[in-house]
Amino acid sequence: MIPVIGLILGILLGLVLEPSVPQGLQPYLPIAIVAAMDALFGAFRAYLEGTFTDRVFVVSFISNVLIAAAIVFVGDQIGVGSQLSTGVVVVLGIRIFTNVAAIRRALFRA
């Protein structure tokens, strides 16, 4: 119940305060969100399979975001940031859909 309350409060604060992302960080935000979603769906899959551990989730969450941002940063430095961003999104998207398929199988036996 506490996570749901936190989520609702976070959404409400975001709507009321309308925070802005600094111009220099804007290219990294979508990549960070996709990397975080990958960690969340992986955690939910592990929970359904009975193998979830909070330590693995936290390390996965932080490392996914940092590695994805680092790849995009390096791409920006060498002039191919958009291509590497696309690559990161494709790879993480494949992982997300793989986890969603496993979640669907676990929940619906389909």
N, C-alpha and C. Protein backbone atom coordinates (compact mmCIF):
# COMPACT_ATOMS: atom_id res chain seq x y z
N MET A 1 0.82 -1.19 0.00
CA MET A 1 0.00 0.00 0.00
C MET A 1 0.86 1.26 0.00
N ILE A 2 1.98 1.23 0.71
CA ILE A 2 2.86 2.39 0.78
C ILE A 2 3.44 2.73 -0.60
N PRO A 3 3.88 1.75 -1.42
CA PRO A 3 4.37 2.11 -2.75
C PRO A 3 3.29 2.76 -3.62
N VAL A 4 2.06 2.32 -3.51
CA VAL A 4 0.98 2.90 -4.30
C VAL A 4 0.74 4.35 -3.87
N ILE A 5 0.76 4.60 -2.57
CA ILE A 5 0.58 5.96 -2.06
C ILE A 5 1.74 6.85 -2.54
N GLY A 6 2.95 6.32 -2.50
CA GLY A 6 4.11 7.07 -2.98
C GLY A 6 4.01 7.38 -4.46
N LEU A 7 3.54 6.41 -5.24
CA LEU A 7 3.37 6.63 -6.68
C LEU A 7 2.35 7.73 -6.94
N ILE A 8 1.22 7.66 -6.26
CA ILE A 8 0.17 8.67 -6.44
C ILE A 8 0.69 10.05 -6.02
N LEU A 9 1.38 10.14 -4.88
CA LEU A 9 1.94 11.42 -4.45
C LEU A 9 2.97 11.96 -5.44
N GLY A 10 3.79 11.08 -5.97
CA GLY A 10 4.78 11.50 -6.95
C GLY A 10 4.15 12.03 -8.22
N ILE A 11 3.10 11.36 -8.68
CA ILE A 11 2.40 11.83 -9.88
C ILE A 11 1.75 13.18 -9.62
N LEU A 12 1.09 13.32 -8.47
CA LEU A 12 0.45 14.59 -8.13
C LEU A 12 1.48 15.73 -8.00
N LEU A 13 2.61 15.46 -7.35
CA LEU A 13 3.64 16.48 -7.23
C LEU A 13 4.19 16.88 -8.60
N GLY A 14 4.36 15.91 -9.47
CA GLY A 14 4.84 16.21 -10.81
C GLY A 14 3.86 17.06 -11.60
N LEU A 15 2.57 16.78 -11.43
CA LEU A 15 1.57 17.57 -12.13
C LEU A 15 1.46 18.99 -11.57
N VAL A 16 1.59 19.12 -10.26
CA VAL A 16 1.46 20.44 -9.64
C VAL A 16 2.72 21.29 -9.86
N LEU A 17 3.89 20.71 -9.63
CA LEU A 17 5.14 21.47 -9.70
C LEU A 17 5.68 21.63 -11.11
N GLU A 18 5.28 20.76 -12.03
CA GLU A 18 5.75 20.76 -13.42
C GLU A 18 7.26 20.96 -13.51
N PRO A 19 8.04 20.01 -13.00
CA PRO A 19 9.50 20.19 -13.04
C PRO A 19 10.01 20.15 -14.48
N SER A 20 11.10 20.85 -14.71
CA SER A 20 11.71 20.84 -16.04
C SER A 20 13.05 20.12 -15.96
N VAL A 21 13.40 19.49 -17.05
CA VAL A 21 14.67 18.78 -17.14
C VAL A 21 15.67 19.72 -17.81
N PRO A 22 16.85 19.88 -17.21
CA PRO A 22 17.85 20.75 -17.84
C PRO A 22 18.17 20.30 -19.26
N GLN A 23 18.45 21.26 -20.12
CA GLN A 23 18.69 21.00 -21.55
C GLN A 23 19.77 19.94 -21.76
N GLY A 24 20.82 19.97 -20.96
CA GLY A 24 21.91 19.02 -21.13
C GLY A 24 21.54 17.58 -20.79
N LEU A 25 20.52 17.39 -19.97
CA LEU A 25 20.12 16.04 -19.58
C LEU A 25 18.96 15.48 -20.41
N GLN A 26 18.34 16.31 -21.22
CA GLN A 26 17.17 15.86 -21.99
C GLN A 26 17.42 14.66 -22.90
N PRO A 27 18.57 14.53 -23.55
CA PRO A 27 18.78 13.34 -24.38
C PRO A 27 18.84 12.04 -23.58
N TYR A 28 19.16 12.14 -22.29
CA TYR A 28 19.35 10.95 -21.47
C TYR A 28 18.08 10.49 -20.77
N LEU A 29 17.10 11.36 -20.62
CA LEU A 29 15.89 11.01 -19.88
C LEU A 29 15.12 9.85 -20.50
N PRO A 30 14.83 9.87 -21.81
CA PRO A 30 14.09 8.72 -22.37
C PRO A 30 14.84 7.40 -22.22
N ILE A 31 16.16 7.45 -22.37
CA ILE A 31 16.97 6.24 -22.24
C ILE A 31 16.92 5.75 -20.80
N ALA A 32 17.01 6.66 -19.85
CA ALA A 32 16.96 6.28 -18.44
C ALA A 32 15.61 5.67 -18.08
N ILE A 33 14.54 6.22 -18.65
CA ILE A 33 13.20 5.68 -18.38
C ILE A 33 13.06 4.27 -18.94
N VAL A 34 13.53 4.04 -20.15
CA VAL A 34 13.45 2.70 -20.75
C VAL A 34 14.31 1.72 -19.95
N ALA A 35 15.49 2.15 -19.52
CA ALA A 35 16.35 1.27 -18.71
C ALA A 35 15.69 0.94 -17.38
N ALA A 36 15.05 1.93 -16.77
CA ALA A 36 14.35 1.69 -15.50
C ALA A 36 13.17 0.75 -15.71
N MET A 37 12.44 0.91 -16.81
CA MET A 37 11.32 0.01 -17.10
C MET A 37 11.81 -1.43 -17.27
N ASP A 38 12.96 -1.60 -17.90
CA ASP A 38 13.53 -2.94 -18.06
C ASP A 38 13.78 -3.57 -16.69
N ALA A 39 14.35 -2.80 -15.78
CA ALA A 39 14.60 -3.33 -14.43
C ALA A 39 13.29 -3.65 -13.71
N LEU A 40 12.28 -2.81 -13.86
CA LEU A 40 11.00 -3.04 -13.19
C LEU A 40 10.30 -4.29 -13.71
N PHE A 41 10.26 -4.45 -15.03
CA PHE A 41 9.62 -5.65 -15.57
C PHE A 41 10.41 -6.90 -15.23
N GLY A 42 11.74 -6.79 -15.20
CA GLY A 42 12.56 -7.92 -14.77
C GLY A 42 12.30 -8.29 -13.33
N ALA A 43 12.12 -7.28 -12.48
CA ALA A 43 11.83 -7.54 -11.07
C ALA A 43 10.47 -8.20 -10.91
N PHE A 44 9.48 -7.75 -11.66
CA PHE A 44 8.15 -8.35 -11.56
C PHE A 44 8.18 -9.79 -12.05
N ARG A 45 8.93 -10.04 -13.11
CA ARG A 45 9.08 -11.42 -13.59
C ARG A 45 9.74 -12.29 -12.53
N ALA A 46 10.80 -11.78 -11.92
CA ALA A 46 11.49 -12.54 -10.87
C ALA A 46 10.56 -12.78 -9.69
N TYR A 47 9.75 -11.81 -9.35
CA TYR A 47 8.79 -11.97 -8.25
C TYR A 47 7.81 -13.10 -8.55
N LEU A 48 7.30 -13.13 -9.77
CA LEU A 48 6.35 -14.19 -10.14
C LEU A 48 7.01 -15.56 -10.17
N GLU A 49 8.29 -15.59 -10.51
CA GLU A 49 9.03 -16.86 -10.55
C GLU A 49 9.56 -17.25 -9.18
N GLY A 50 9.41 -16.38 -8.20
CA GLY A 50 9.88 -16.67 -6.84
C GLY A 50 11.37 -16.49 -6.64
N THR A 51 12.02 -15.73 -7.53
CA THR A 51 13.47 -15.53 -7.42
C THR A 51 13.85 -14.08 -7.16
N PHE A 52 12.90 -13.24 -6.80
CA PHE A 52 13.16 -11.82 -6.59
C PHE A 52 14.00 -11.59 -5.34
N THR A 53 15.01 -10.75 -5.47
CA THR A 53 15.76 -10.25 -4.31
C THR A 53 15.93 -8.75 -4.49
N ASP A 54 15.74 -8.03 -3.41
CA ASP A 54 15.80 -6.57 -3.50
C ASP A 54 17.19 -6.07 -3.86
N ARG A 55 18.22 -6.75 -3.42
CA ARG A 55 19.59 -6.32 -3.75
C ARG A 55 19.84 -6.40 -5.25
N VAL A 56 19.41 -7.49 -5.88
CA VAL A 56 19.59 -7.63 -7.32
C VAL A 56 18.78 -6.57 -8.06
N PHE A 57 17.57 -6.28 -7.57
CA PHE A 57 16.75 -5.26 -8.21
C PHE A 57 17.42 -3.89 -8.16
N VAL A 58 17.91 -3.50 -7.00
CA VAL A 58 18.52 -2.18 -6.87
C VAL A 58 19.76 -2.07 -7.75
N VAL A 59 20.60 -3.08 -7.73
CA VAL A 59 21.81 -3.07 -8.55
C VAL A 59 21.43 -3.05 -10.03
N SER A 60 20.46 -3.85 -10.43
CA SER A 60 20.02 -3.88 -11.82
C SER A 60 19.45 -2.53 -12.25
N PHE A 61 18.62 -1.94 -11.40
CA PHE A 61 18.00 -0.66 -11.71
C PHE A 61 19.06 0.41 -11.93
N ILE A 62 19.97 0.55 -10.97
CA ILE A 62 20.99 1.60 -11.05
C ILE A 62 21.96 1.33 -12.21
N SER A 63 22.41 0.09 -12.34
CA SER A 63 23.38 -0.19 -13.41
C SER A 63 22.75 -0.05 -14.79
N ASN A 64 21.49 -0.45 -14.97
CA ASN A 64 20.84 -0.27 -16.27
C ASN A 64 20.80 1.20 -16.66
N VAL A 65 20.39 2.04 -15.73
CA VAL A 65 20.28 3.48 -16.02
C VAL A 65 21.65 4.07 -16.30
N LEU A 66 22.63 3.76 -15.47
CA LEU A 66 23.97 4.34 -15.65
C LEU A 66 24.64 3.86 -16.94
N ILE A 67 24.53 2.58 -17.23
CA ILE A 67 25.17 2.05 -18.44
C ILE A 67 24.50 2.61 -19.69
N ALA A 68 23.17 2.66 -19.69
CA ALA A 68 22.47 3.22 -20.85
C ALA A 68 22.84 4.69 -21.05
N ALA A 69 22.88 5.45 -19.96
CA ALA A 69 23.26 6.87 -20.07
C ALA A 69 24.71 7.01 -20.54
N ALA A 70 25.58 6.14 -20.06
CA ALA A 70 26.99 6.21 -20.47
C ALA A 70 27.14 5.91 -21.96
N ILE A 71 26.39 4.94 -22.46
CA ILE A 71 26.45 4.61 -23.88
C ILE A 71 26.00 5.81 -24.71
N VAL A 72 24.92 6.44 -24.32
CA VAL A 72 24.42 7.61 -25.06
C VAL A 72 25.42 8.77 -24.94
N PHE A 73 26.02 8.95 -23.76
CA PHE A 73 27.01 10.02 -23.58
C PHE A 73 28.20 9.81 -24.52
N VAL A 74 28.71 8.59 -24.56
CA VAL A 74 29.84 8.30 -25.46
C VAL A 74 29.42 8.55 -26.91
N GLY A 75 28.20 8.14 -27.25
CA GLY A 75 27.72 8.39 -28.60
C GLY A 75 27.64 9.87 -28.92
N ASP A 76 27.21 10.67 -27.96
CA ASP A 76 27.17 12.13 -28.16
C ASP A 76 28.57 12.69 -28.36
N GLN A 77 29.53 12.16 -27.62
CA GLN A 77 30.90 12.66 -27.71
C GLN A 77 31.53 12.35 -29.07
N ILE A 78 31.17 11.23 -29.65
CA ILE A 78 31.76 10.88 -30.95
C ILE A 78 30.85 11.20 -32.12
N GLY A 79 29.70 11.81 -31.84
CA GLY A 79 28.83 12.29 -32.91
C GLY A 79 27.80 11.30 -33.41
N VAL A 80 27.57 10.21 -32.70
CA VAL A 80 26.57 9.23 -33.13
C VAL A 80 25.58 8.94 -32.00
N GLY A 81 25.25 9.97 -31.24
CA GLY A 81 24.38 9.80 -30.08
C GLY A 81 23.02 9.24 -30.42
N SER A 82 22.42 9.72 -31.51
CA SER A 82 21.07 9.25 -31.84
C SER A 82 21.09 7.78 -32.28
N GLN A 83 22.13 7.36 -32.98
CA GLN A 83 22.22 5.96 -33.39
C GLN A 83 22.40 5.05 -32.17
N LEU A 84 23.24 5.46 -31.24
CA LEU A 84 23.44 4.64 -30.05
C LEU A 84 22.20 4.67 -29.16
N SER A 85 21.50 5.80 -29.12
CA SER A 85 20.23 5.86 -28.37
C SER A 85 19.24 4.86 -28.93
N THR A 86 19.15 4.82 -30.26
CA THR A 86 18.25 3.86 -30.90
C THR A 86 18.65 2.44 -30.57
N GLY A 87 19.94 2.16 -30.60
CA GLY A 87 20.42 0.82 -30.26
C GLY A 87 20.08 0.42 -28.84
N VAL A 88 20.25 1.34 -27.91
CA VAL A 88 19.94 1.06 -26.50
C VAL A 88 18.44 0.79 -26.35
N VAL A 89 17.62 1.61 -27.00
CA VAL A 89 16.17 1.43 -26.90
C VAL A 89 15.75 0.09 -27.51
N VAL A 90 16.36 -0.30 -28.62
CA VAL A 90 16.02 -1.58 -29.24
C VAL A 90 16.39 -2.75 -28.33
N VAL A 91 17.60 -2.72 -27.80
CA VAL A 91 18.05 -3.81 -26.93
C VAL A 91 17.18 -3.90 -25.67
N LEU A 92 16.97 -2.77 -25.02
CA LEU A 92 16.15 -2.79 -23.81
C LEU A 92 14.70 -3.10 -24.13
N GLY A 93 14.22 -2.65 -25.28
CA GLY A 93 12.86 -2.98 -25.69
C GLY A 93 12.67 -4.48 -25.87
N ILE A 94 13.66 -5.13 -26.46
CA ILE A 94 13.59 -6.59 -26.62
C ILE A 94 13.54 -7.25 -25.25
N ARG A 95 14.36 -6.79 -24.32
CA ARG A 95 14.35 -7.35 -22.96
C ARG A 95 13.01 -7.12 -22.27
N ILE A 96 12.44 -5.92 -22.46
CA ILE A 96 11.15 -5.62 -21.84
C ILE A 96 10.08 -6.55 -22.39
N PHE A 97 10.02 -6.71 -23.70
CA PHE A 97 9.00 -7.58 -24.28
C PHE A 97 9.22 -9.04 -23.90
N THR A 98 10.46 -9.47 -23.74
CA THR A 98 10.73 -10.83 -23.27
C THR A 98 10.21 -11.01 -21.85
N ASN A 99 10.46 -10.03 -21.00
CA ASN A 99 9.96 -10.11 -19.62
C ASN A 99 8.43 -10.07 -19.58
N VAL A 100 7.83 -9.21 -20.40
CA VAL A 100 6.36 -9.13 -20.44
C VAL A 100 5.77 -10.46 -20.91
N ALA A 101 6.40 -11.10 -21.88
CA ALA A 101 5.90 -12.40 -22.34
C ALA A 101 5.98 -13.43 -21.22
N ALA A 102 7.06 -13.41 -20.45
CA ALA A 102 7.18 -14.35 -19.33
C ALA A 102 6.16 -14.03 -18.24
N ILE A 103 5.91 -12.75 -18.01
CA ILE A 103 4.89 -12.35 -17.03
C ILE A 103 3.52 -12.82 -17.48
N ARG A 104 3.22 -12.63 -18.76
CA ARG A 104 1.93 -13.08 -19.30
C ARG A 104 1.77 -14.58 -19.15
N ARG A 105 2.83 -15.33 -19.44
CA ARG A 105 2.76 -16.79 -19.29
C ARG A 105 2.52 -17.17 -17.84
N ALA A 106 3.19 -16.48 -16.93
CA ALA A 106 3.05 -16.80 -15.50
C ALA A 106 1.66 -16.45 -14.97
N LEU A 107 1.11 -15.34 -15.43
CA LEU A 107 -0.19 -14.91 -14.91
C LEU A 107 -1.37 -15.63 -15.55
N PHE A 108 -1.29 -15.83 -16.87
CA PHE A 108 -2.43 -16.35 -17.60
C PHE A 108 -2.23 -17.77 -18.13
N ARG A 109 -1.06 -18.34 -17.86
CA ARG A 109 -0.75 -19.68 -18.36
C ARG A 109 -0.93 -19.76 -19.88
N ALA A 110 -0.61 -18.64 -20.54
CA ALA A 110 -0.77 -18.58 -22.01
C ALA A 110 0.51 -18.13 -22.67
